[in-house]
Protein backbone atom coordinates (compact mmCIF):
# COMPACT_ATOMS: atom_id res chain seq x y z
CA MET A 1 58.97 100.25 59.21
CA SER A 2 59.55 102.50 61.89
CA ASP A 3 62.78 101.14 63.63
CA ASP A 4 64.58 97.36 64.70
CA THR A 5 61.62 96.75 67.70
CA GLY A 6 59.21 95.07 64.97
CA THR A 7 57.50 97.69 64.23
CA GLN A 8 56.06 98.47 61.10
CA GLU A 9 53.89 101.42 60.04
CA THR A 10 50.34 100.55 59.65
CA PRO A 11 47.82 102.87 57.29
CA ALA A 12 45.80 104.81 60.22
CA GLY A 13 50.11 105.81 61.36
CA SER A 14 50.01 104.44 64.43
CA THR A 15 52.94 101.34 65.16
CA GLY A 16 52.58 98.03 66.23
CA PRO A 17 53.25 94.53 66.10
CA ARG A 18 53.78 92.59 62.41
CA PRO A 19 53.42 89.05 61.57
CA GLU A 20 56.22 86.70 61.28
CA PRO A 21 56.78 85.72 57.48
CA ILE A 22 55.69 81.70 56.95
CA ARG A 23 58.00 80.96 53.96
CA PHE A 24 55.36 80.56 50.78
CA PHE A 25 52.85 82.26 52.11
CA GLY A 26 54.42 85.56 53.18
CA THR A 27 51.94 87.31 55.40
CA THR A 28 49.11 86.66 53.92
CA TRP A 29 48.12 83.98 56.44
CA VAL A 30 47.05 86.43 58.92
CA ASP A 31 43.97 87.90 56.55
CA HIS A 32 44.00 84.51 53.67
CA GLY A 33 44.27 86.90 51.38
CA ASN A 34 46.43 87.22 47.83
CA GLY A 35 46.16 83.65 47.26
CA TYR A 36 46.55 81.81 50.33
CA THR A 37 44.32 78.68 49.37
CA ALA A 38 46.53 78.54 45.71
CA ARG A 39 49.80 78.28 47.89
CA ARG A 40 48.11 76.08 50.38
CA ILE A 41 47.27 73.42 47.18
CA ALA A 42 50.86 74.14 45.57
CA VAL A 43 52.34 73.74 48.87
CA ALA A 44 51.17 70.61 49.58
CA ALA A 45 51.35 69.40 45.81
CA GLY A 46 54.89 69.96 45.73
CA SER A 47 55.42 68.15 48.93
CA LEU A 48 53.78 65.56 47.47
CA ALA A 49 55.90 65.73 45.04
CA ALA A 50 59.35 65.69 46.45
CA ALA A 51 58.31 62.82 48.98
CA ALA A 52 57.17 60.88 45.97
CA VAL A 53 60.55 61.49 43.95
CA SER A 54 62.55 61.54 47.35
CA CYS A 55 61.10 57.52 47.50
CA LEU A 56 62.25 57.20 43.77
CA VAL A 57 65.41 58.07 44.92
CA LEU A 58 65.71 56.18 47.59
CA ARG A 59 64.12 52.48 45.83
CA LEU A 60 67.09 53.71 43.34
CA ALA A 61 69.51 53.19 46.16
CA TYR A 62 67.79 50.43 47.46
CA GLN A 63 68.19 48.42 44.17
CA GLY A 64 71.99 49.60 44.50
CA LEU A 65 72.61 47.89 47.46
CA GLN A 66 70.79 44.87 45.74
CA ILE A 67 73.23 44.95 43.04
CA ALA A 68 76.32 45.18 44.76
CA ALA A 69 75.21 42.25 46.87
CA ILE A 70 76.11 43.19 50.30
CA GLY A 71 74.07 40.88 51.62
CA GLY A 72 70.79 41.22 53.49
CA PHE A 73 71.72 42.19 57.16
CA VAL A 74 73.21 45.62 55.34
CA THR A 75 70.25 45.82 53.26
CA LEU A 76 67.79 45.88 56.06
CA LEU A 77 69.62 47.96 58.68
CA MET A 78 69.30 50.84 55.78
CA VAL A 79 66.07 50.15 55.17
CA VAL A 80 65.16 50.32 59.07
CA MET A 81 67.46 53.52 59.39
CA PHE A 82 65.60 55.57 57.18
CA ALA A 83 62.04 54.40 58.43
CA ILE A 84 62.74 55.50 61.96
CA CYS A 85 64.70 58.39 60.60
CA SER A 86 61.54 59.41 58.64
CA ALA A 87 59.32 58.49 61.00
CA MET A 88 61.66 60.80 63.91
CA ALA A 89 61.63 63.42 61.22
CA PHE A 90 57.95 63.86 60.82
CA ARG A 91 57.30 64.55 64.10
CA HIS A 92 59.90 66.70 65.39
CA THR A 93 58.74 68.59 61.29
CA TRP A 94 54.65 68.57 63.27
CA ASP A 95 55.83 69.20 66.28
CA GLY A 96 57.90 72.57 64.87
CA PHE A 97 54.03 73.71 63.38
CA THR A 98 52.50 74.22 66.61
CA ARG A 99 55.85 75.50 68.98
CA ARG A 100 59.53 76.92 69.15
CA HIS A 101 62.44 73.99 69.02
CA ASP A 102 65.28 74.54 70.92
CA PRO A 103 68.60 75.88 68.90
CA ASP A 104 70.96 73.57 70.49
CA ARG A 105 69.00 70.96 69.72
CA GLN A 106 67.95 71.63 66.44
CA ALA A 107 71.47 71.64 65.62
CA SER A 108 72.26 68.24 66.61
CA LEU A 109 69.64 66.83 65.09
CA ARG A 110 70.35 68.37 61.94
CA GLY A 111 71.89 65.03 60.60
CA LEU A 112 68.93 62.85 61.70
CA LEU A 113 66.83 65.05 59.33
CA ALA A 114 68.38 65.05 56.92
CA VAL A 115 68.41 60.78 56.43
CA GLY A 116 64.81 61.21 57.19
CA PHE A 117 63.79 64.27 54.74
CA VAL A 118 60.52 61.49 53.68
CA GLY A 119 59.31 62.23 56.56
CA SER A 120 59.66 66.21 56.74
CA LEU A 121 58.17 66.52 53.93
CA LEU A 122 55.21 64.50 54.31
CA ALA A 123 54.37 66.88 57.82
CA HIS A 124 54.29 69.80 55.55
CA PHE A 125 52.20 67.37 52.82
CA PHE A 126 49.73 66.50 55.87
CA ARG A 127 49.77 70.38 57.67
CA SER A 128 49.06 72.44 54.66
CA LEU A 129 45.58 69.98 54.04
CA THR A 130 44.46 72.56 56.90
CA GLU A 131 47.04 75.67 57.24
CA ALA A 132 49.50 76.76 56.33
CA PRO A 133 52.69 75.23 58.24
CA GLY A 134 53.50 76.97 61.04
CA GLU A 135 50.33 79.14 60.77
CA ARG A 136 48.75 78.29 64.35
CA LEU A 137 52.04 79.12 66.46
CA HIS A 138 52.72 82.80 64.32
CA ARG A 139 49.35 83.37 64.88
CA GLU A 140 49.21 82.67 68.45
CA GLU A 141 52.27 84.66 68.96
CA TYR A 142 51.21 86.88 66.83
CA GLU A 143 47.64 87.63 68.54
CA GLU A 144 50.13 87.40 72.09
CA ALA A 145 52.09 90.77 70.82
CA ARG A 146 48.82 92.02 70.04
CA LYS A 147 47.38 92.12 72.95
CA GLN A 148 50.51 93.41 74.70
CA TYR A 149 50.43 96.51 72.63
CA GLU A 150 46.59 96.53 72.71
CA LYS A 151 47.20 96.37 76.49
CA ARG A 152 50.51 99.28 76.87
CA THR A 153 48.85 101.59 74.34
CA THR A 154 45.64 101.84 76.35
CA ARG A 155 48.19 101.68 80.12
CA ARG A 156 49.89 104.90 78.70
CA SER A 157 46.56 106.96 77.77
CA GLY A 158 44.80 108.66 80.22
CA ASN A 159 45.82 111.07 83.01
CA PRO A 160 49.72 110.88 83.96
CA LYS A 161 48.89 111.34 87.34
CA ASN A 162 46.93 108.41 87.69
CA ARG A 163 49.82 106.09 86.14
CA ARG A 164 50.91 103.82 88.85
CA ARG A 165 54.76 103.58 89.14
CA ALA A 166 56.64 100.32 88.92
């Protein structure tokens, strides 16, 4: 790496923007090499297995409430709460694959996302069937950074007298 600006030395010796790594994929999403497909399969299987185990744990919690005989209303509230939070967490996670979230909003939704963890796991499963989760967002940002870099480097080349002053 040449400095803290996010550039790195390329094999040709020039500098340029570097792709942002994605969890479990690193930078293999750029050229779909180094086991990218196997990683996608593993992420899909892992997130689906984690969602299944999570549903089993929720089922055990539900049975615990039934054994405690706390009443149908509280049991219904728990089921509805997990269903709504899971749906909201799914939507929030799914949106996070295509655009960056506001950090303040993300912090305020931390509790909801923790309760709706099954929805987040399912969002990862469904997205990993088509691409690495977040790949589209990272690819768009990387392509834009490359375009901007190319624009800056071509503007600098040539006769300095022809350069416009800003």
